[in-house]
Amino acid sequence: MDQCIYQKVSGSKICFLILYVDDILLATNDKGLLHEVKQFLSKNFDMQDMGEASYVIGIKIHRDRPRGILGLSQETYINKLLERFRMKDCLPSVAPIVKGDRFN
């Protein structure tokens, strides 16, 4: 397990705690366990519940619960990089490097 990822398992219930600097992301398959973990953390640490995550470490989180879809996107990060290197108007390509290309 990564040093910043922790898990709590209780029967078929599981909760992951992902820690990055001073941000925590919780992911679980059980709302009761989520509430329990949040209560424990708030009793032991000064923290604020920010609700459902929509961004974490620059990654956009998209949920479509009725369809059972969870998506992650780095579009914002990519756009910032393109702006930084003045490539915002470049043409996109599926694979900018073809297998077998040689570089000097």
PDB file of N, CA and C in Angstrom:
ATOM      1  N   MET A   1       0.842  -1.181   0.000  1.00  0.00           N
ATOM      2  CA  MET A   1       0.000   0.000   0.000  1.00  0.00           C
ATOM      3  C   MET A   1       0.884   1.241   0.000  1.00  0.00           C
ATOM      4  N   ASP A   2       0.508   2.234  -0.740  1.00  0.00           N
ATOM      5  CA  ASP A   2       1.217   3.511  -0.755  1.00  0.00           C
ATOM      6  C   ASP A   2       1.233   4.105   0.642  1.00  0.00           C
ATOM      7  N   GLN A   3       2.275   4.839   0.996  1.00  0.00           N
ATOM      8  CA  GLN A   3       2.406   5.409   2.333  1.00  0.00           C
ATOM      9  C   GLN A   3       1.333   6.442   2.636  1.00  0.00           C
ATOM     10  N   CYS A   4       0.648   6.941   1.639  1.00  0.00           N
ATOM     11  CA  CYS A   4      -0.389   7.958   1.855  1.00  0.00           C
ATOM     12  C   CYS A   4      -1.789   7.425   1.586  1.00  0.00           C
ATOM     13  N   ILE A   5      -1.924   6.116   1.431  1.00  0.00           N
ATOM     14  CA  ILE A   5      -3.232   5.499   1.226  1.00  0.00           C
ATOM     15  C   ILE A   5      -3.459   4.484   2.339  1.00  0.00           C
ATOM     16  N   TYR A   6      -4.586   4.658   3.023  1.00  0.00           N
ATOM     17  CA  TYR A   6      -4.918   3.776   4.142  1.00  0.00           C
ATOM     18  C   TYR A   6      -6.277   3.160   3.876  1.00  0.00           C
ATOM     19  N   GLN A   7      -6.488   1.968   4.416  1.00  0.00           N
ATOM     20  CA  GLN A   7      -7.780   1.322   4.234  1.00  0.00           C
ATOM     21  C   GLN A   7      -8.315   0.785   5.554  1.00  0.00           C
ATOM     22  N   LYS A   8      -9.625   0.812   5.652  1.00  0.00           N
ATOM     23  CA  LYS A   8     -10.319   0.214   6.797  1.00  0.00           C
ATOM     24  C   LYS A   8     -11.317  -0.759   6.203  1.00  0.00           C
ATOM     25  N   VAL A   9     -11.254  -2.005   6.664  1.00  0.00           N
ATOM     26  CA  VAL A   9     -12.158  -3.042   6.178  1.00  0.00           C
ATOM     27  C   VAL A   9     -12.966  -3.555   7.351  1.00  0.00           C
ATOM     28  N   SER A  10     -14.262  -3.624   7.164  1.00  0.00           N
ATOM     29  CA  SER A  10     -15.165  -4.149   8.180  1.00  0.00           C
ATOM     30  C   SER A  10     -16.179  -5.040   7.472  1.00  0.00           C
ATOM     31  N   GLY A  11     -15.894  -6.345   7.428  1.00  0.00           N
ATOM     32  CA  GLY A  11     -16.745  -7.270   6.673  1.00  0.00           C
ATOM     33  C   GLY A  11     -16.652  -6.954   5.196  1.00  0.00           C
ATOM     34  N   SER A  12     -17.800  -6.661   4.590  1.00  0.00           N
ATOM     35  CA  SER A  12     -17.820  -6.321   3.163  1.00  0.00           C
ATOM     36  C   SER A  12     -17.684  -4.817   2.931  1.00  0.00           C
ATOM     37  N   LYS A  13     -17.603  -4.062   4.026  1.00  0.00           N
ATOM     38  CA  LYS A  13     -17.459  -2.600   3.923  1.00  0.00           C
ATOM     39  C   LYS A  13     -15.982  -2.242   3.866  1.00  0.00           C
ATOM     40  N   ILE A  14     -15.660  -1.280   3.002  1.00  0.00           N
ATOM     41  CA  ILE A  14     -14.270  -0.842   2.873  1.00  0.00           C
ATOM     42  C   ILE A  14     -14.237   0.682   2.706  1.00  0.00           C
ATOM     43  N   CYS A  15     -13.225   1.283   3.314  1.00  0.00           N
ATOM     44  CA  CYS A  15     -13.035   2.728   3.201  1.00  0.00           C
ATOM     45  C   CYS A  15     -11.561   2.989   2.922  1.00  0.00           C
ATOM     46  N   PHE A  16     -11.305   3.802   1.916  1.00  0.00           N
ATOM     47  CA  PHE A  16      -9.946   4.230   1.600  1.00  0.00           C
ATOM     48  C   PHE A  16      -9.786   5.677   2.016  1.00  0.00           C
ATOM     49  N   LEU A  17      -8.667   5.983   2.651  1.00  0.00           N
ATOM     50  CA  LEU A  17      -8.314   7.346   3.010  1.00  0.00           C
ATOM     51  C   LEU A  17      -7.057   7.677   2.225  1.00  0.00           C
ATOM     52  N   ILE A  18      -7.165   8.676   1.351  1.00  0.00           N
ATOM     53  CA  ILE A  18      -6.038   9.103   0.542  1.00  0.00           C
ATOM     54  C   ILE A  18      -5.588  10.453   1.080  1.00  0.00           C
ATOM     55  N   LEU A  19      -4.332  10.540   1.484  1.00  0.00           N
ATOM     56  CA  LEU A  19      -3.793  11.733   2.122  1.00  0.00           C
ATOM     57  C   LEU A  19      -2.772  12.385   1.201  1.00  0.00           C
ATOM     58  N   TYR A  20      -2.950  13.690   0.952  1.00  0.00           N
ATOM     59  CA  TYR A  20      -1.991  14.442   0.148  1.00  0.00           C
ATOM     60  C   TYR A  20      -1.768  15.779   0.841  1.00  0.00           C
ATOM     61  N   VAL A  21      -0.609  15.968   1.429  1.00  0.00           N
ATOM     62  CA  VAL A  21      -0.231  17.156   2.201  1.00  0.00           C
ATOM     63  C   VAL A  21      -1.261  17.375   3.299  1.00  0.00           C
ATOM     64  N   ASP A  22      -2.177  18.331   3.134  1.00  0.00           N
ATOM     65  CA  ASP A  22      -3.185  18.554   4.172  1.00  0.00           C
ATOM     66  C   ASP A  22      -4.598  18.285   3.652  1.00  0.00           C
ATOM     67  N   ASP A  23      -4.699  17.553   2.559  1.00  0.00           N
ATOM     68  CA  ASP A  23      -5.997  17.177   2.004  1.00  0.00           C
ATOM     69  C   ASP A  23      -6.233  15.686   2.192  1.00  0.00           C
ATOM     70  N   ILE A  24      -7.481  15.346   2.481  1.00  0.00           N
ATOM     71  CA  ILE A  24      -7.873  13.947   2.638  1.00  0.00           C
ATOM     72  C   ILE A  24      -9.024  13.673   1.691  1.00  0.00           C
ATOM     73  N   LEU A  25      -8.951  12.566   0.987  1.00  0.00           N
ATOM     74  CA  LEU A  25     -10.047  12.101   0.143  1.00  0.00           C
ATOM     75  C   LEU A  25     -10.485  10.759   0.702  1.00  0.00           C
ATOM     76  N   LEU A  26     -11.785  10.621   0.970  1.00  0.00           N
ATOM     77  CA  LEU A  26     -12.330   9.358   1.465  1.00  0.00           C
ATOM     78  C   LEU A  26     -13.170   8.720   0.374  1.00  0.00           C
ATOM     79  N   ALA A  27     -13.010   7.426   0.192  1.00  0.00           N
ATOM     80  CA  ALA A  27     -13.815   6.671  -0.774  1.00  0.00           C
ATOM     81  C   ALA A  27     -14.278   5.396  -0.087  1.00  0.00           C
ATOM     82  N   THR A  28     -15.566   5.115  -0.157  1.00  0.00           N
ATOM     83  CA  THR A  28     -16.110   3.953   0.532  1.00  0.00           C
ATOM     84  C   THR A  28     -17.306   3.381  -0.217  1.00  0.00           C
ATOM     85  N   ASN A  29     -17.646   2.162   0.122  1.00  0.00           N
ATOM     86  CA  ASN A  29     -18.830   1.536  -0.453  1.00  0.00           C
ATOM     87  C   ASN A  29     -19.993   1.534   0.552  1.00  0.00           C
ATOM     88  N   ASP A  30     -19.834   2.264   1.665  1.00  0.00           N
ATOM     89  CA  ASP A  30     -20.862   2.269   2.701  1.00  0.00           C
ATOM     90  C   ASP A  30     -20.931   3.637   3.385  1.00  0.00           C
ATOM     91  N   LYS A  31     -22.098   4.287   3.302  1.00  0.00           N
ATOM     92  CA  LYS A  31     -22.234   5.631   3.878  1.00  0.00           C
ATOM     93  C   LYS A  31     -22.102   5.624   5.397  1.00  0.00           C
ATOM     94  N   GLY A  32     -22.529   4.556   6.059  1.00  0.00           N
ATOM     95  CA  GLY A  32     -22.389   4.453   7.513  1.00  0.00           C
ATOM     96  C   GLY A  32     -20.923   4.437   7.921  1.00  0.00           C
ATOM     97  N   LEU A  33     -20.125   3.670   7.202  1.00  0.00           N
ATOM     98  CA  LEU A  33     -18.693   3.610   7.479  1.00  0.00           C
ATOM     99  C   LEU A  33     -18.045   4.961   7.195  1.00  0.00           C
ATOM    100  N   LEU A  34     -18.486   5.630   6.146  1.00  0.00           N
ATOM    101  CA  LEU A  34     -17.972   6.966   5.833  1.00  0.00           C
ATOM    102  C   LEU A  34     -18.233   7.916   7.000  1.00  0.00           C
ATOM    103  N   HIS A  35     -19.450   7.897   7.532  1.00  0.00           N
ATOM    104  CA  HIS A  35     -19.810   8.753   8.667  1.00  0.00           C
ATOM    105  C   HIS A  35     -18.947   8.424   9.885  1.00  0.00           C
ATOM    106  N   GLU A  36     -18.744   7.143  10.124  1.00  0.00           N
ATOM    107  CA  GLU A  36     -17.926   6.684  11.267  1.00  0.00           C
ATOM    108  C   GLU A  36     -16.479   7.199  11.145  1.00  0.00           C
ATOM    109  N   VAL A  37     -15.909   7.088   9.971  1.00  0.00           N
ATOM    110  CA  VAL A  37     -14.528   7.531   9.747  1.00  0.00           C
ATOM    111  C   VAL A  37     -14.432   9.051   9.893  1.00  0.00           C
ATOM    112  N   LYS A  38     -15.409   9.770   9.342  1.00  0.00           N
ATOM    113  CA  LYS A  38     -15.409  11.234   9.466  1.00  0.00           C
ATOM    114  C   LYS A  38     -15.508  11.659  10.932  1.00  0.00           C
ATOM    115  N   GLN A  39     -16.352  10.982  11.708  1.00  0.00           N
ATOM    116  CA  GLN A  39     -16.483  11.308  13.137  1.00  0.00           C
ATOM    117  C   GLN A  39     -15.163  11.083  13.852  1.00  0.00           C
ATOM    118  N   PHE A  40     -14.515   9.953  13.597  1.00  0.00           N
ATOM    119  CA  PHE A  40     -13.239   9.648  14.225  1.00  0.00           C
ATOM    120  C   PHE A  40     -12.208  10.720  13.893  1.00  0.00           C
ATOM    121  N   LEU A  41     -12.108  11.072  12.624  1.00  0.00           N
ATOM    122  CA  LEU A  41     -11.123  12.068  12.191  1.00  0.00           C
ATOM    123  C   LEU A  41     -11.393  13.430  12.813  1.00  0.00           C
ATOM    124  N   SER A  42     -12.662  13.840  12.858  1.00  0.00           N
ATOM    125  CA  SER A  42     -12.972  15.166  13.395  1.00  0.00           C
ATOM    126  C   SER A  42     -12.749  15.249  14.902  1.00  0.00           C
ATOM    127  N   LYS A  43     -12.831  14.120  15.611  1.00  0.00           N
ATOM    128  CA  LYS A  43     -12.541  14.105  17.054  1.00  0.00           C
ATOM    129  C   LYS A  43     -11.042  14.203  17.323  1.00  0.00           C
ATOM    130  N   ASN A  44     -10.233  13.731  16.394  1.00  0.00           N
ATOM    131  CA  ASN A  44      -8.792  13.672  16.597  1.00  0.00           C
ATOM    132  C   ASN A  44      -7.990  14.732  15.849  1.00  0.00           C
ATOM    133  N   PHE A  45      -8.621  15.401  14.885  1.00  0.00           N
ATOM    134  CA  PHE A  45      -7.914  16.389  14.077  1.00  0.00           C
ATOM    135  C   PHE A  45      -8.821  17.581  13.814  1.00  0.00           C
ATOM    136  N   ASP A  46      -8.200  18.746  13.655  1.00  0.00           N
ATOM    137  CA  ASP A  46      -8.941  19.934  13.263  1.00  0.00           C
ATOM    138  C   ASP A  46      -9.172  19.823  11.767  1.00  0.00           C
ATOM    139  N   MET A  47     -10.413  19.606  11.370  1.00  0.00           N
ATOM    140  CA  MET A  47     -10.695  19.379   9.955  1.00  0.00           C
ATOM    141  C   MET A  47     -12.028  19.978   9.568  1.00  0.00           C
ATOM    142  N   GLN A  48     -12.205  20.133   8.265  1.00  0.00           N
ATOM    143  CA  GLN A  48     -13.441  20.665   7.718  1.00  0.00           C
ATOM    144  C   GLN A  48     -13.905  19.736   6.610  1.00  0.00           C
ATOM    145  N   ASP A  49     -15.172  19.319   6.657  1.00  0.00           N
ATOM    146  CA  ASP A  49     -15.742  18.463   5.619  1.00  0.00           C
ATOM    147  C   ASP A  49     -16.149  19.335   4.443  1.00  0.00           C
ATOM    148  N   MET A  50     -15.537  19.107   3.303  1.00  0.00           N
ATOM    149  CA  MET A  50     -15.798  19.913   2.109  1.00  0.00           C
ATOM    150  C   MET A  50     -16.874  19.288   1.217  1.00  0.00           C
ATOM    151  N   GLY A  51     -17.496  18.197   1.676  1.00  0.00           N
ATOM    152  CA  GLY A  51     -18.530  17.542   0.870  1.00  0.00           C
ATOM    153  C   GLY A  51     -17.918  16.655  -0.197  1.00  0.00           C
ATOM    154  N   GLU A  52     -18.740  16.341  -1.199  1.00  0.00           N
ATOM    155  CA  GLU A  52     -18.265  15.475  -2.280  1.00  0.00           C
ATOM    156  C   GLU A  52     -17.143  16.146  -3.051  1.00  0.00           C
ATOM    157  N   ALA A  53     -16.130  15.381  -3.340  1.00  0.00           N
ATOM    158  CA  ALA A  53     -14.978  15.911  -4.085  1.00  0.00           C
ATOM    159  C   ALA A  53     -15.335  16.080  -5.556  1.00  0.00           C
ATOM    160  N   SER A  54     -14.928  17.219  -6.111  1.00  0.00           N
ATOM    161  CA  SER A  54     -15.079  17.424  -7.545  1.00  0.00           C
ATOM    162  C   SER A  54     -13.700  17.571  -8.195  1.00  0.00           C
ATOM    163  N   TYR A  55     -12.706  17.985  -7.387  1.00  0.00           N
ATOM    164  CA  TYR A  55     -11.310  18.070  -7.831  1.00  0.00           C
ATOM    165  C   TYR A  55     -10.424  17.545  -6.713  1.00  0.00           C
ATOM    166  N   VAL A  56      -9.379  16.836  -7.067  1.00  0.00           N
ATOM    167  CA  VAL A  56      -8.374  16.417  -6.095  1.00  0.00           C
ATOM    168  C   VAL A  56      -7.032  16.376  -6.816  1.00  0.00           C
ATOM    169  N   ILE A  57      -6.035  17.019  -6.231  1.00  0.00           N
ATOM    170  CA  ILE A  57      -4.688  17.179  -6.805  1.00  0.00           C
ATOM    171  C   ILE A  57      -4.725  17.461  -8.313  1.00  0.00           C
ATOM    172  N   GLY A  58      -5.623  18.358  -8.712  1.00  0.00           N
ATOM    173  CA  GLY A  58      -5.700  18.773 -10.107  1.00  0.00           C
ATOM    174  C   GLY A  58      -6.466  17.833 -11.019  1.00  0.00           C
ATOM    175  N   ILE A  59      -7.083  16.821 -10.468  1.00  0.00           N
ATOM    176  CA  ILE A  59      -7.838  15.866 -11.272  1.00  0.00           C
ATOM    177  C   ILE A  59      -9.330  16.098 -11.031  1.00  0.00           C
ATOM    178  N   LYS A  60     -10.084  16.303 -12.121  1.00  0.00           N
ATOM    179  CA  LYS A  60     -11.521  16.512 -12.018  1.00  0.00           C
ATOM    180  C   LYS A  60     -12.215  15.158 -11.867  1.00  0.00           C
ATOM    181  N   ILE A  61     -13.152  15.095 -10.940  1.00  0.00           N
ATOM    182  CA  ILE A  61     -13.910  13.863 -10.694  1.00  0.00           C
ATOM    183  C   ILE A  61     -15.327  14.055 -11.222  1.00  0.00           C
ATOM    184  N   HIS A  62     -15.755  13.157 -12.092  1.00  0.00           N
ATOM    185  CA  HIS A  62     -17.102  13.208 -12.664  1.00  0.00           C
ATOM    186  C   HIS A  62     -17.854  11.939 -12.271  1.00  0.00           C
ATOM    187  N   ARG A  63     -19.060  12.116 -11.737  1.00  0.00           N
ATOM    188  CA  ARG A  63     -19.888  10.971 -11.355  1.00  0.00           C
ATOM    189  C   ARG A  63     -21.202  11.004 -12.116  1.00  0.00           C
ATOM    190  N   ASP A  64     -21.611   9.858 -12.575  1.00  0.00           N
ATOM    191  CA  ASP A  64     -22.948   9.675 -13.136  1.00  0.00           C
ATOM    192  C   ASP A  64     -23.523   8.465 -12.408  1.00  0.00           C
ATOM    193  N   ARG A  65     -24.076   8.712 -11.228  1.00  0.00           N
ATOM    194  CA  ARG A  65     -24.547   7.617 -10.366  1.00  0.00           C
ATOM    195  C   ARG A  65     -25.598   6.730 -11.035  1.00  0.00           C
ATOM    196  N   PRO A  66     -26.598   7.303 -11.733  1.00  0.00           N
ATOM    197  CA  PRO A  66     -27.598   6.429 -12.363  1.00  0.00           C
ATOM    198  C   PRO A  66     -26.985   5.433 -13.352  1.00  0.00           C
ATOM    199  N   ARG A  67     -25.930   5.846 -14.032  1.00  0.00           N
ATOM    200  CA  ARG A  67     -25.277   4.957 -15.004  1.00  0.00           C
ATOM    201  C   ARG A  67     -24.101   4.194 -14.402  1.00  0.00           C
ATOM    202  N   GLY A  68     -23.775   4.472 -13.120  1.00  0.00           N
ATOM    203  CA  GLY A  68     -22.671   3.775 -12.460  1.00  0.00           C
ATOM    204  C   GLY A  68     -21.317   4.137 -13.024  1.00  0.00           C
ATOM    205  N   ILE A  69     -21.149   5.416 -13.399  1.00  0.00           N
ATOM    206  CA  ILE A  69     -19.905   5.854 -14.036  1.00  0.00           C
ATOM    207  C   ILE A  69     -19.147   6.799 -13.107  1.00  0.00           C
ATOM    208  N   LEU A  70     -17.860   6.552 -12.977  1.00  0.00           N
ATOM    209  CA  LEU A  70     -16.950   7.444 -12.268  1.00  0.00           C
ATOM    210  C   LEU A  70     -15.822   7.769 -13.237  1.00  0.00           C
ATOM    211  N   GLY A  71     -15.647   9.046 -13.530  1.00  0.00           N
ATOM    212  CA  GLY A  71     -14.622   9.446 -14.486  1.00  0.00           C
ATOM    213  C   GLY A  71     -13.620  10.397 -13.866  1.00  0.00           C
ATOM    214  N   LEU A  72     -12.400  10.341 -14.335  1.00  0.00           N
ATOM    215  CA  LEU A  72     -11.333  11.232 -13.899  1.00  0.00           C
ATOM    216  C   LEU A  72     -10.785  11.945 -15.125  1.00  0.00           C
ATOM    217  N   SER A  73     -10.522  13.249 -14.979  1.00  0.00           N
ATOM    218  CA  SER A  73     -10.016  14.021 -16.103  1.00  0.00           C
ATOM    219  C   SER A  73      -8.905  14.967 -15.652  1.00  0.00           C
ATOM    220  N   GLN A  74      -7.851  15.049 -16.445  1.00  0.00           N
ATOM    221  CA  GLN A  74      -6.767  15.990 -16.190  1.00  0.00           C
ATOM    222  C   GLN A  74      -6.789  17.120 -17.209  1.00  0.00           C
ATOM    223  N   GLU A  75      -7.944  17.400 -17.789  1.00  0.00           N
ATOM    224  CA  GLU A  75      -8.075  18.422 -18.814  1.00  0.00           C
ATOM    225  C   GLU A  75      -7.574  19.790 -18.341  1.00  0.00           C
ATOM    226  N   THR A  76      -7.942  20.204 -17.130  1.00  0.00           N
ATOM    227  CA  THR A  76      -7.518  21.502 -16.612  1.00  0.00           C
ATOM    228  C   THR A  76      -6.000  21.573 -16.508  1.00  0.00           C
ATOM    229  N   TYR A  77      -5.371  20.522 -15.991  1.00  0.00           N
ATOM    230  CA  TYR A  77      -3.907  20.468 -15.871  1.00  0.00           C
ATOM    231  C   TYR A  77      -3.251  20.532 -17.245  1.00  0.00           C
ATOM    232  N   ILE A  78      -3.789  19.780 -18.176  1.00  0.00           N
ATOM    233  CA  ILE A  78      -3.236  19.753 -19.537  1.00  0.00           C
ATOM    234  C   ILE A  78      -3.341  21.132 -20.181  1.00  0.00           C
ATOM    235  N   ASN A  79      -4.490  21.796 -20.009  1.00  0.00           N
ATOM    236  CA  ASN A  79      -4.661  23.141 -20.578  1.00  0.00           C
ATOM    237  C   ASN A  79      -3.687  24.137 -19.969  1.00  0.00           C
ATOM    238  N   LYS A  80      -3.421  24.017 -18.657  1.00  0.00           N
ATOM    239  CA  LYS A  80      -2.438  24.903 -18.011  1.00  0.00           C
ATOM    240  C   LYS A  80      -1.045  24.681 -18.599  1.00  0.00           C
ATOM    241  N   LEU A  81      -0.685  23.412 -18.826  1.00  0.00           N
ATOM    242  CA  LEU A  81       0.614  23.110 -19.439  1.00  0.00           C
ATOM    243  C   LEU A  81       0.711  23.662 -20.856  1.00  0.00           C
ATOM    244  N   LEU A  82      -0.353  23.511 -21.621  1.00  0.00           N
ATOM    245  CA  LEU A  82      -0.350  24.026 -22.989  1.00  0.00           C
ATOM    246  C   LEU A  82      -0.182  25.547 -23.001  1.00  0.00           C
ATOM    247  N   GLU A  83      -0.859  26.226 -22.069  1.00  0.00           N
ATOM    248  CA  GLU A  83      -0.704  27.681 -21.969  1.00  0.00           C
ATOM    249  C   GLU A  83       0.711  28.052 -21.554  1.00  0.00           C
ATOM    250  N   ARG A  84       1.250  27.351 -20.567  1.00  0.00           N
ATOM    251  CA  ARG A  84       2.599  27.634 -20.057  1.00  0.00           C
ATOM    252  C   ARG A  84       3.647  27.558 -21.158  1.00  0.00           C
ATOM    253  N   PHE A  85       3.508  26.571 -22.032  1.00  0.00           N
ATOM    254  CA  PHE A  85       4.502  26.375 -23.089  1.00  0.00           C
ATOM    255  C   PHE A  85       4.027  26.948 -24.431  1.00  0.00           C
ATOM    256  N   ARG A  86       3.044  27.849 -24.370  1.00  0.00           N
ATOM    257  CA  ARG A  86       2.509  28.534 -25.544  1.00  0.00           C
ATOM    258  C   ARG A  86       2.130  27.555 -26.661  1.00  0.00           C
ATOM    259  N   MET A  87       1.431  26.510 -26.277  1.00  0.00           N
ATOM    260  CA  MET A  87       0.995  25.511 -27.247  1.00  0.00           C
ATOM    261  C   MET A  87      -0.530  25.365 -27.250  1.00  0.00           C
ATOM    262  N   LYS A  88      -1.223  26.371 -26.729  1.00  0.00           N
ATOM    263  CA  LYS A  88      -2.681  26.312 -26.602  1.00  0.00           C
ATOM    264  C   LYS A  88      -3.371  26.101 -27.949  1.00  0.00           C
ATOM    265  N   ASP A  89      -2.777  26.626 -29.024  1.00  0.00           N
ATOM    266  CA  ASP A  89      -3.390  26.523 -30.349  1.00  0.00           C
ATOM    267  C   ASP A  89      -2.817  25.385 -31.186  1.00  0.00           C
ATOM    268  N   CYS A  90      -2.072  24.474 -30.565  1.00  0.00           N
ATOM    269  CA  CYS A  90      -1.505  23.354 -31.325  1.00  0.00           C
ATOM    270  C   CYS A  90      -2.626  22.397 -31.751  1.00  0.00           C
ATOM    271  N   LEU A  91      -2.350  21.598 -32.735  1.00  0.00           N
ATOM    272  CA  LEU A  91      -3.340  20.634 -33.220  1.00  0.00           C
ATOM    273  C   LEU A  91      -3.202  19.324 -32.453  1.00  0.00           C
ATOM    274  N   PRO A  92      -4.307  18.816 -31.933  1.00  0.00           N
ATOM    275  CA  PRO A  92      -4.241  17.551 -31.187  1.00  0.00           C
ATOM    276  C   PRO A  92      -3.971  16.369 -32.116  1.00  0.00           C
ATOM    277  N   SER A  93      -3.420  15.326 -31.548  1.00  0.00           N
ATOM    278  CA  SER A  93      -3.134  14.108 -32.292  1.00  0.00           C
ATOM    279  C   SER A  93      -3.364  12.921 -31.380  1.00  0.00           C
ATOM    280  N   VAL A  94      -3.852  11.838 -31.940  1.00  0.00           N
ATOM    281  CA  VAL A  94      -4.092  10.640 -31.148  1.00  0.00           C
ATOM    282  C   VAL A  94      -2.783  10.107 -30.589  1.00  0.00           C
ATOM    283  N   ALA A  95      -1.762  10.015 -31.440  1.00  0.00           N
ATOM    284  CA  ALA A  95      -0.445   9.540 -31.015  1.00  0.00           C
ATOM    285  C   ALA A  95       0.614  10.388 -31.708  1.00  0.00           C
ATOM    286  N   PRO A  96       1.153  11.391 -31.012  1.00  0.00           N
ATOM    287  CA  PRO A  96       2.125  12.271 -31.666  1.00  0.00           C
ATOM    288  C   PRO A  96       3.433  11.576 -32.029  1.00  0.00           C
ATOM    289  N   ILE A  97       3.722  10.442 -31.430  1.00  0.00           N
ATOM    290  CA  ILE A  97       4.928   9.693 -31.735  1.00  0.00           C
ATOM    291  C   ILE A  97       4.518   8.305 -32.243  1.00  0.00           C
ATOM    292  N   VAL A  98       4.998   7.977 -33.411  1.00  0.00           N
ATOM    293  CA  VAL A  98       4.665   6.695 -34.008  1.00  0.00           C
ATOM    294  C   VAL A  98       5.691   5.654 -33.568  1.00  0.00           C
ATOM    295  N   LYS A  99       5.214   4.444 -33.287  1.00  0.00           N
ATOM    296  CA  LYS A  99       6.115   3.358 -32.887  1.00  0.00           C
ATOM    297  C   LYS A  99       7.200   3.188 -33.957  1.00  0.00           C
ATOM    298  N   GLY A 100       8.444   3.097 -33.505  1.00  0.00           N
ATOM    299  CA  GLY A 100       9.558   2.929 -34.426  1.00  0.00           C
ATOM    300  C   GLY A 100      10.279   4.219 -34.773  1.00  0.00           C
ATOM    301  N   ASP A 101       9.695   5.376 -34.393  1.00  0.00           N
ATOM    302  CA  ASP A 101      10.382   6.652 -34.633  1.00  0.00           C
ATOM    303  C   ASP A 101      11.728   6.646 -33.920  1.00  0.00           C
ATOM    304  N   ARG A 102      12.742   7.231 -34.557  1.00  0.00           N
ATOM    305  CA  ARG A 102      14.070   7.327 -33.952  1.00  0.00           C
ATOM    306  C   ARG A 102      14.409   8.797 -33.755  1.00  0.00           C
ATOM    307  N   PHE A 103      15.033   9.085 -32.630  1.00  0.00           N
ATOM    308  CA  PHE A 103      15.410  10.461 -32.307  1.00  0.00           C
ATOM    309  C   PHE A 103      16.919  10.578 -32.173  1.00  0.00           C
ATOM    310  N   ASN A 104      17.477  11.680 -32.622  1.00  0.00           N
ATOM    311  CA  ASN A 104      18.911  11.929 -32.490  1.00  0.00           C
ATOM    312  C   ASN A 104      19.185  12.742 -31.255  1.00  0.00           C
TER     313      ASN A 104
END
